[in-house]
Amino acid sequence: MQRTMAQLPETLRLCLLLSIVSGLSSHEIARALNLGEAAVRQRLSRARKLFQQIYLRESGDFIATSSAFSTRTQPRRGRRRSRLARRVQPVLVAAS
């Protein structure tokens, strides 16, 4: 999966990682990357499709649709996610 993720264009990969790993909503990603929310949702959709195509081509395995690949428009609740988001956002923004 890491090889597949590495093959995604950086703009798509960053949005997908922020969504899946950091658990950020499309609104939070848009704020962090200084993009419109519609642009983030489009990038997430393209990233998911491209990821599946690359993964299938390389492995031949089937990827079931998962909630990890869903676009969240509402932020997750809880202090743990908030602390993680506060730590991760500046690092990822600086890297882009």
Protein backbone atom coordinates (compact mmCIF):
# COMPACT_ATOMS: atom_id res chain seq x y z
CA MET A 1 0.00 0.00 0.00
CA GLN A 2 2.87 2.39 0.67
CA ARG A 3 4.14 1.93 -2.89
CA THR A 4 0.68 2.67 -4.21
CA MET A 5 0.33 5.75 -2.04
CA ALA A 6 3.76 6.98 -3.16
CA GLN A 7 2.62 6.88 -6.79
CA LEU A 8 -0.22 9.34 -6.22
CA PRO A 9 0.45 12.94 -7.18
CA GLU A 10 1.47 14.92 -4.10
CA THR A 11 -1.64 17.11 -4.11
CA LEU A 12 -3.92 14.07 -4.04
CA ARG A 13 -1.76 12.09 -1.63
CA LEU A 14 -1.66 14.92 0.91
CA CYS A 15 -5.45 15.31 0.98
CA LEU A 16 -5.94 11.56 1.29
CA LEU A 17 -3.43 11.25 4.13
CA LEU A 18 -4.96 14.16 6.01
CA SER A 19 -8.35 12.53 5.67
CA ILE A 20 -7.40 8.95 6.54
CA VAL A 21 -4.45 9.23 8.90
CA SER A 22 -5.25 12.51 10.62
CA GLY A 23 -8.99 12.04 10.50
CA LEU A 24 -9.62 15.58 9.29
CA SER A 25 -12.89 16.58 7.64
CA SER A 26 -12.90 18.11 4.17
CA HIS A 27 -13.55 21.49 5.81
CA GLU A 28 -10.48 21.12 8.07
CA ILE A 29 -8.31 19.99 5.16
CA ALA A 30 -9.47 22.97 3.09
CA ARG A 31 -8.50 25.36 5.89
CA ALA A 32 -5.13 23.69 6.45
CA LEU A 33 -4.21 23.74 2.74
CA ASN A 34 -5.85 27.08 1.95
CA LEU A 35 -8.19 25.49 -0.61
CA GLY A 36 -11.90 25.51 -1.21
CA GLU A 37 -13.86 22.69 0.35
CA ALA A 38 -15.17 21.60 -3.07
CA ALA A 39 -11.57 21.33 -4.33
CA VAL A 40 -10.68 19.11 -1.38
CA ARG A 41 -13.67 16.82 -1.95
CA GLN A 42 -12.72 16.56 -5.63
CA ARG A 43 -9.11 15.74 -4.77
CA LEU A 44 -10.22 13.10 -2.29
CA SER A 45 -12.48 11.50 -4.87
CA ARG A 46 -9.74 11.49 -7.50
CA ALA A 47 -7.20 10.16 -4.99
CA ARG A 48 -9.45 7.26 -3.97
CA LYS A 49 -10.15 6.30 -7.58
CA LEU A 50 -6.52 6.55 -8.64
CA PHE A 51 -5.34 4.65 -5.56
CA GLN A 52 -7.71 1.80 -6.35
CA GLN A 53 -6.66 1.70 -10.01
CA ILE A 54 -2.94 1.63 -9.17
CA TYR A 55 -3.40 -0.93 -6.40
CA LEU A 56 -5.47 -3.23 -8.60
CA ARG A 57 -2.99 -2.96 -11.48
CA GLU A 58 -0.03 -3.83 -9.24
CA SER A 59 -1.51 -6.46 -6.97
CA GLY A 60 -4.62 -7.79 -8.62
CA ASP A 61 -6.36 -7.64 -5.24
CA PHE A 62 -9.82 -6.22 -4.78
CA ILE A 63 -10.30 -3.24 -2.46
CA ALA A 64 -13.63 -3.18 -0.70
CA THR A 65 -15.19 0.21 -0.15
CA SER A 66 -14.34 1.26 3.35
CA SER A 67 -15.36 4.04 5.69
CA ALA A 68 -11.68 4.98 5.84
CA PHE A 69 -12.03 6.22 2.28
CA SER A 70 -15.20 8.18 2.89
CA THR A 71 -15.29 11.95 2.80
CA ARG A 72 -16.28 13.42 6.11
CA THR A 73 -17.84 16.84 5.99
CA GLN A 74 -18.22 17.11 9.75
CA PRO A 75 -15.17 17.01 12.03
CA ARG A 76 -14.75 14.07 14.33
CA ARG A 77 -15.51 14.80 17.92
CA GLY A 78 -13.24 14.34 20.90
CA ARG A 79 -10.12 15.76 22.46
CA ARG A 80 -7.80 13.06 21.11
CA ARG A 81 -8.57 13.91 17.48
CA SER A 82 -8.28 17.60 18.20
CA ARG A 83 -4.84 17.24 19.79
CA LEU A 84 -3.65 15.09 16.90
CA ALA A 85 -4.99 17.54 14.34
CA ARG A 86 -3.28 20.47 16.07
CA ARG A 87 0.06 18.65 16.01
CA VAL A 88 -0.20 17.27 12.47
CA GLN A 89 -1.64 20.23 10.58
CA PRO A 90 1.35 22.61 10.87
CA VAL A 91 3.79 19.85 9.90
CA LEU A 92 1.82 18.83 6.83
CA VAL A 93 1.19 22.40 5.74
CA ALA A 94 4.90 23.20 6.05
CA ALA A 95 5.74 20.11 3.99
CA SER A 96 3.46 21.07 1.11
